[in-house]
């Protein structure tokens, strides 16, 4: 399960994407990957899991 930091960064990325804010989307993704203690692959997988949960999958 993703930690609160990943949950927050995923929400920021989704909001930026919905608003058409490419720079905000990129910033949220880069910040999540750079600042998370987990490896890149785990960070991306955790963010994907957050989106799937939010979408009811």
PDB file of N, CA and C in Angstrom:
ATOM      1  N   UNK A   1       0.847  -1.184   0.000  1.00  0.00           N
ATOM      2  CA  UNK A   1       0.000   0.000   0.000  1.00  0.00           C
ATOM      3  C   UNK A   1       0.890   1.244   0.000  1.00  0.00           C
ATOM      4  N   UNK A   2       0.463   2.238  -0.736  1.00  0.00           N
ATOM      5  CA  UNK A   2       1.244   3.470  -0.870  1.00  0.00           C
ATOM      6  C   UNK A   2       1.194   4.296   0.409  1.00  0.00           C
ATOM      7  N   UNK A   3       2.265   5.026   0.649  1.00  0.00           N
ATOM      8  CA  UNK A   3       2.296   5.881   1.824  1.00  0.00           C
ATOM      9  C   UNK A   3       1.601   7.216   1.526  1.00  0.00           C
ATOM     10  N   UNK A   4       1.461   8.020   2.538  1.00  0.00           N
ATOM     11  CA  UNK A   4       0.737   9.294   2.402  1.00  0.00           C
ATOM     12  C   UNK A   4       1.399  10.215   1.382  1.00  0.00           C
ATOM     13  N   UNK A   5       2.715  10.219   1.335  1.00  0.00           N
ATOM     14  CA  UNK A   5       3.432  11.049   0.363  1.00  0.00           C
ATOM     15  C   UNK A   5       3.041  10.666  -1.062  1.00  0.00           C
ATOM     16  N   UNK A   6       3.021   9.379  -1.355  1.00  0.00           N
ATOM     17  CA  UNK A   6       2.660   8.913  -2.697  1.00  0.00           C
ATOM     18  C   UNK A   6       1.195   9.213  -2.987  1.00  0.00           C
ATOM     19  N   UNK A   7       0.343   9.039  -1.992  1.00  0.00           N
ATOM     20  CA  UNK A   7      -1.081   9.373  -2.171  1.00  0.00           C
ATOM     21  C   UNK A   7      -1.233  10.851  -2.547  1.00  0.00           C
ATOM     22  N   UNK A   8      -0.506  11.709  -1.848  1.00  0.00           N
ATOM     23  CA  UNK A   8      -0.579  13.149  -2.096  1.00  0.00           C
ATOM     24  C   UNK A   8      -0.042  13.507  -3.467  1.00  0.00           C
ATOM     25  N   UNK A   9       1.121  12.972  -3.831  1.00  0.00           N
ATOM     26  CA  UNK A   9       1.728  13.282  -5.129  1.00  0.00           C
ATOM     27  C   UNK A   9       0.869  12.757  -6.272  1.00  0.00           C
ATOM     28  N   UNK A  10       0.247  11.612  -6.074  1.00  0.00           N
ATOM     29  CA  UNK A  10      -0.638  11.073  -7.100  1.00  0.00           C
ATOM     30  C   UNK A  10      -1.851  11.972  -7.277  1.00  0.00           C
ATOM     31  N   UNK A  11      -2.417  12.436  -6.177  1.00  0.00           N
ATOM     32  CA  UNK A  11      -3.559  13.351  -6.253  1.00  0.00           C
ATOM     33  C   UNK A  11      -3.173  14.647  -6.965  1.00  0.00           C
ATOM     34  N   UNK A  12      -1.980  15.163  -6.663  1.00  0.00           N
ATOM     35  CA  UNK A  12      -1.503  16.376  -7.331  1.00  0.00           C
ATOM     36  C   UNK A  12      -1.339  16.135  -8.833  1.00  0.00           C
ATOM     37  N   UNK A  13      -0.775  14.994  -9.187  1.00  0.00           N
ATOM     38  CA  UNK A  13      -0.584  14.675 -10.605  1.00  0.00           C
ATOM     39  C   UNK A  13      -1.916  14.546 -11.328  1.00  0.00           C
ATOM     40  N   UNK A  14      -2.869  13.866 -10.707  1.00  0.00           N
ATOM     41  CA  UNK A  14      -4.187  13.707 -11.320  1.00  0.00           C
ATOM     42  C   UNK A  14      -4.900  15.046 -11.483  1.00  0.00           C
ATOM     43  N   UNK A  15      -4.807  15.897 -10.481  1.00  0.00           N
ATOM     44  CA  UNK A  15      -5.449  17.213 -10.547  1.00  0.00           C
ATOM     45  C   UNK A  15      -4.808  18.066 -11.640  1.00  0.00           C
ATOM     46  N   UNK A  16      -3.500  18.038 -11.724  1.00  0.00           N
ATOM     47  CA  UNK A  16      -2.812  18.806 -12.760  1.00  0.00           C
ATOM     48  C   UNK A  16      -3.191  18.291 -14.144  1.00  0.00           C
ATOM     49  N   UNK A  17      -3.249  16.982 -14.286  1.00  0.00           N
ATOM     50  CA  UNK A  17      -3.632  16.396 -15.568  1.00  0.00           C
ATOM     51  C   UNK A  17      -5.052  16.806 -15.961  1.00  0.00           C
ATOM     52  N   UNK A  18      -5.965  16.748 -15.006  1.00  0.00           N
ATOM     53  CA  UNK A  18      -7.359  17.118 -15.274  1.00  0.00           C
ATOM     54  C   UNK A  18      -7.488  18.591 -15.664  1.00  0.00           C
ATOM     55  N   UNK A  19      -6.598  19.414 -15.131  1.00  0.00           N
ATOM     56  CA  UNK A  19      -6.629  20.851 -15.427  1.00  0.00           C
ATOM     57  C   UNK A  19      -5.851  21.200 -16.699  1.00  0.00           C
ATOM     58  N   UNK A  20      -5.237  20.197 -17.306  1.00  0.00           N
ATOM     59  CA  UNK A  20      -4.447  20.459 -18.502  1.00  0.00           C
ATOM     60  C   UNK A  20      -3.115  21.137 -18.204  1.00  0.00           C
ATOM     61  N   UNK A  21      -2.649  20.984 -16.981  1.00  0.00           N
ATOM     62  CA  UNK A  21      -1.408  21.618 -16.537  1.00  0.00           C
ATOM     63  C   UNK A  21      -0.254  20.635 -16.664  1.00  0.00           C
ATOM     64  N   UNK A  22       0.361  20.600 -17.828  1.00  0.00           N
ATOM     65  CA  UNK A  22       1.451  19.675 -18.080  1.00  0.00           C
ATOM     66  C   UNK A  22       2.641  19.905 -17.177  1.00  0.00           C
ATOM     67  N   UNK A  23       2.937  21.156 -16.895  1.00  0.00           N
ATOM     68  CA  UNK A  23       4.070  21.463 -16.021  1.00  0.00           C
ATOM     69  C   UNK A  23       3.800  20.975 -14.600  1.00  0.00           C
ATOM     70  N   UNK A  24       2.587  21.183 -14.111  1.00  0.00           N
ATOM     71  CA  UNK A  24       2.230  20.707 -12.778  1.00  0.00           C
ATOM     72  C   UNK A  24       2.244  19.189 -12.698  1.00  0.00           C
ATOM     73  N   UNK A  25       1.790  18.542 -13.773  1.00  0.00           N
ATOM     74  CA  UNK A  25       1.815  17.090 -13.831  1.00  0.00           C
ATOM     75  C   UNK A  25       3.250  16.582 -13.771  1.00  0.00           C
ATOM     76  N   UNK A  26       4.100  17.151 -14.589  1.00  0.00           N
ATOM     77  CA  UNK A  26       5.508  16.747 -14.607  1.00  0.00           C
ATOM     78  C   UNK A  26       6.158  16.983 -13.247  1.00  0.00           C
ATOM     79  N   UNK A  27       5.871  18.116 -12.649  1.00  0.00           N
ATOM     80  CA  UNK A  27       6.459  18.439 -11.348  1.00  0.00           C
ATOM     81  C   UNK A  27       6.051  17.414 -10.291  1.00  0.00           C
ATOM     82  N   UNK A  28       4.767  17.081 -10.243  1.00  0.00           N
ATOM     83  CA  UNK A  28       4.290  16.123  -9.243  1.00  0.00           C
ATOM     84  C   UNK A  28       4.934  14.755  -9.450  1.00  0.00           C
ATOM     85  N   UNK A  29       5.030  14.313 -10.691  1.00  0.00           N
ATOM     86  CA  UNK A  29       5.637  13.009 -10.965  1.00  0.00           C
ATOM     87  C   UNK A  29       7.123  12.990 -10.624  1.00  0.00           C
ATOM     88  N   UNK A  30       7.832  14.018 -11.050  1.00  0.00           N
ATOM     89  CA  UNK A  30       9.270  14.080 -10.780  1.00  0.00           C
ATOM     90  C   UNK A  30       9.540  14.165  -9.287  1.00  0.00           C
ATOM     91  N   UNK A  31       8.758  14.976  -8.594  1.00  0.00           N
ATOM     92  CA  UNK A  31       8.941  15.102  -7.148  1.00  0.00           C
ATOM     93  C   UNK A  31       8.685  13.770  -6.446  1.00  0.00           C
ATOM     94  N   UNK A  32       7.635  13.070  -6.872  1.00  0.00           N
ATOM     95  CA  UNK A  32       7.321  11.775  -6.260  1.00  0.00           C
ATOM     96  C   UNK A  32       8.471  10.796  -6.455  1.00  0.00           C
ATOM     97  N   UNK A  33       8.988  10.730  -7.651  1.00  0.00           N
ATOM     98  CA  UNK A  33      10.063   9.783  -7.958  1.00  0.00           C
ATOM     99  C   UNK A  33      11.351  10.175  -7.251  1.00  0.00           C
ATOM    100  N   UNK A  34      11.667  11.447  -7.271  1.00  0.00           N
ATOM    101  CA  UNK A  34      12.935  11.917  -6.704  1.00  0.00           C
ATOM    102  C   UNK A  34      12.965  11.850  -5.176  1.00  0.00           C
ATOM    103  N   UNK A  35      11.870  12.198  -4.531  1.00  0.00           N
ATOM    104  CA  UNK A  35      11.867  12.321  -3.070  1.00  0.00           C
ATOM    105  C   UNK A  35      11.421  11.066  -2.328  1.00  0.00           C
ATOM    106  N   UNK A  36      10.850  10.105  -3.036  1.00  0.00           N
ATOM    107  CA  UNK A  36      10.401   8.885  -2.374  1.00  0.00           C
ATOM    108  C   UNK A  36      11.605   8.003  -2.074  1.00  0.00           C
ATOM    109  N   UNK A  37      11.566   7.302  -0.952  1.00  0.00           N
ATOM    110  CA  UNK A  37      12.665   6.436  -0.547  1.00  0.00           C
ATOM    111  C   UNK A  37      12.705   5.123  -1.330  1.00  0.00           C
ATOM    112  N   UNK A  38      11.602   4.763  -1.946  1.00  0.00           N
ATOM    113  CA  UNK A  38      11.533   3.505  -2.695  1.00  0.00           C
ATOM    114  C   UNK A  38      12.195   3.650  -4.066  1.00  0.00           C
ATOM    115  N   UNK A  39      12.564   2.539  -4.672  1.00  0.00           N
ATOM    116  CA  UNK A  39      13.116   2.589  -6.029  1.00  0.00           C
ATOM    117  C   UNK A  39      12.085   3.138  -7.023  1.00  0.00           C
ATOM    118  N   UNK A  40      12.574   3.616  -8.142  1.00  0.00           N
ATOM    119  CA  UNK A  40      11.731   4.187  -9.198  1.00  0.00           C
ATOM    120  C   UNK A  40      10.556   3.273  -9.529  1.00  0.00           C
ATOM    121  N   UNK A  41      10.854   2.011  -9.793  1.00  0.00           N
ATOM    122  CA  UNK A  41       9.819   1.062 -10.208  1.00  0.00           C
ATOM    123  C   UNK A  41       8.729   0.922  -9.155  1.00  0.00           C
ATOM    124  N   UNK A  42       9.121   0.899  -7.890  1.00  0.00           N
ATOM    125  CA  UNK A  42       8.139   0.764  -6.810  1.00  0.00           C
ATOM    126  C   UNK A  42       7.289   2.020  -6.686  1.00  0.00           C
ATOM    127  N   UNK A  43       7.911   3.177  -6.866  1.00  0.00           N
ATOM    128  CA  UNK A  43       7.171   4.432  -6.795  1.00  0.00           C
ATOM    129  C   UNK A  43       6.103   4.485  -7.874  1.00  0.00           C
ATOM    130  N   UNK A  44       6.474   4.134  -9.095  1.00  0.00           N
ATOM    131  CA  UNK A  44       5.514   4.136 -10.208  1.00  0.00           C
ATOM    132  C   UNK A  44       4.413   3.111  -9.958  1.00  0.00           C
ATOM    133  N   UNK A  45       4.774   1.934  -9.478  1.00  0.00           N
ATOM    134  CA  UNK A  45       3.771   0.908  -9.179  1.00  0.00           C
ATOM    135  C   UNK A  45       2.814   1.378  -8.081  1.00  0.00           C
ATOM    136  N   UNK A  46       3.345   2.022  -7.051  1.00  0.00           N
ATOM    137  CA  UNK A  46       2.497   2.529  -5.969  1.00  0.00           C
ATOM    138  C   UNK A  46       1.546   3.603  -6.477  1.00  0.00           C
ATOM    139  N   UNK A  47       2.042   4.489  -7.323  1.00  0.00           N
ATOM    140  CA  UNK A  47       1.182   5.540  -7.880  1.00  0.00           C
ATOM    141  C   UNK A  47       0.088   4.927  -8.754  1.00  0.00           C
ATOM    142  N   UNK A  48       0.437   3.904  -9.509  1.00  0.00           N
ATOM    143  CA  UNK A  48      -0.546   3.207 -10.337  1.00  0.00           C
ATOM    144  C   UNK A  48      -1.619   2.570  -9.468  1.00  0.00           C
ATOM    145  N   UNK A  49      -1.214   1.956  -8.366  1.00  0.00           N
ATOM    146  CA  UNK A  49      -2.175   1.348  -7.446  1.00  0.00           C
ATOM    147  C   UNK A  49      -3.130   2.384  -6.860  1.00  0.00           C
ATOM    148  N   UNK A  50      -2.614   3.573  -6.538  1.00  0.00           N
ATOM    149  CA  UNK A  50      -3.460   4.645  -6.009  1.00  0.00           C
ATOM    150  C   UNK A  50      -4.531   5.014  -7.031  1.00  0.00           C
ATOM    151  N   UNK A  51      -4.133   5.178  -8.279  1.00  0.00           N
ATOM    152  CA  UNK A  51      -5.091   5.539  -9.331  1.00  0.00           C
ATOM    153  C   UNK A  51      -6.124   4.434  -9.512  1.00  0.00           C
ATOM    154  N   UNK A  52      -5.685   3.212  -9.506  1.00  0.00           N
ATOM    155  CA  UNK A  52      -6.624   2.083  -9.672  1.00  0.00           C
ATOM    156  C   UNK A  52      -7.640   2.051  -8.526  1.00  0.00           C
ATOM    157  N   UNK A  53      -7.171   2.264  -7.306  1.00  0.00           N
ATOM    158  CA  UNK A  53      -8.097   2.281  -6.161  1.00  0.00           C
ATOM    159  C   UNK A  53      -9.108   3.416  -6.305  1.00  0.00           C
ATOM    160  N   UNK A  54      -8.628   4.582  -6.720  1.00  0.00           N
ATOM    161  CA  UNK A  54      -9.524   5.736  -6.867  1.00  0.00           C
ATOM    162  C   UNK A  54     -10.553   5.483  -7.969  1.00  0.00           C
ATOM    163  N   UNK A  55     -10.178   4.718  -8.973  1.00  0.00           N
ATOM    164  CA  UNK A  55     -11.080   4.424 -10.084  1.00  0.00           C
ATOM    165  C   UNK A  55     -11.925   3.190  -9.841  1.00  0.00           C
ATOM    166  N   UNK A  56     -11.784   2.595  -8.662  1.00  0.00           N
ATOM    167  CA  UNK A  56     -12.605   1.445  -8.294  1.00  0.00           C
ATOM    168  C   UNK A  56     -12.160   0.143  -8.911  1.00  0.00           C
ATOM    169  N   UNK A  57     -10.942   0.075  -9.373  1.00  0.00           N
ATOM    170  CA  UNK A  57     -10.459  -1.170  -9.998  1.00  0.00           C
ATOM    171  C   UNK A  57      -9.819  -2.070  -8.961  1.00  0.00           C
TER     172      UNK A  57
END
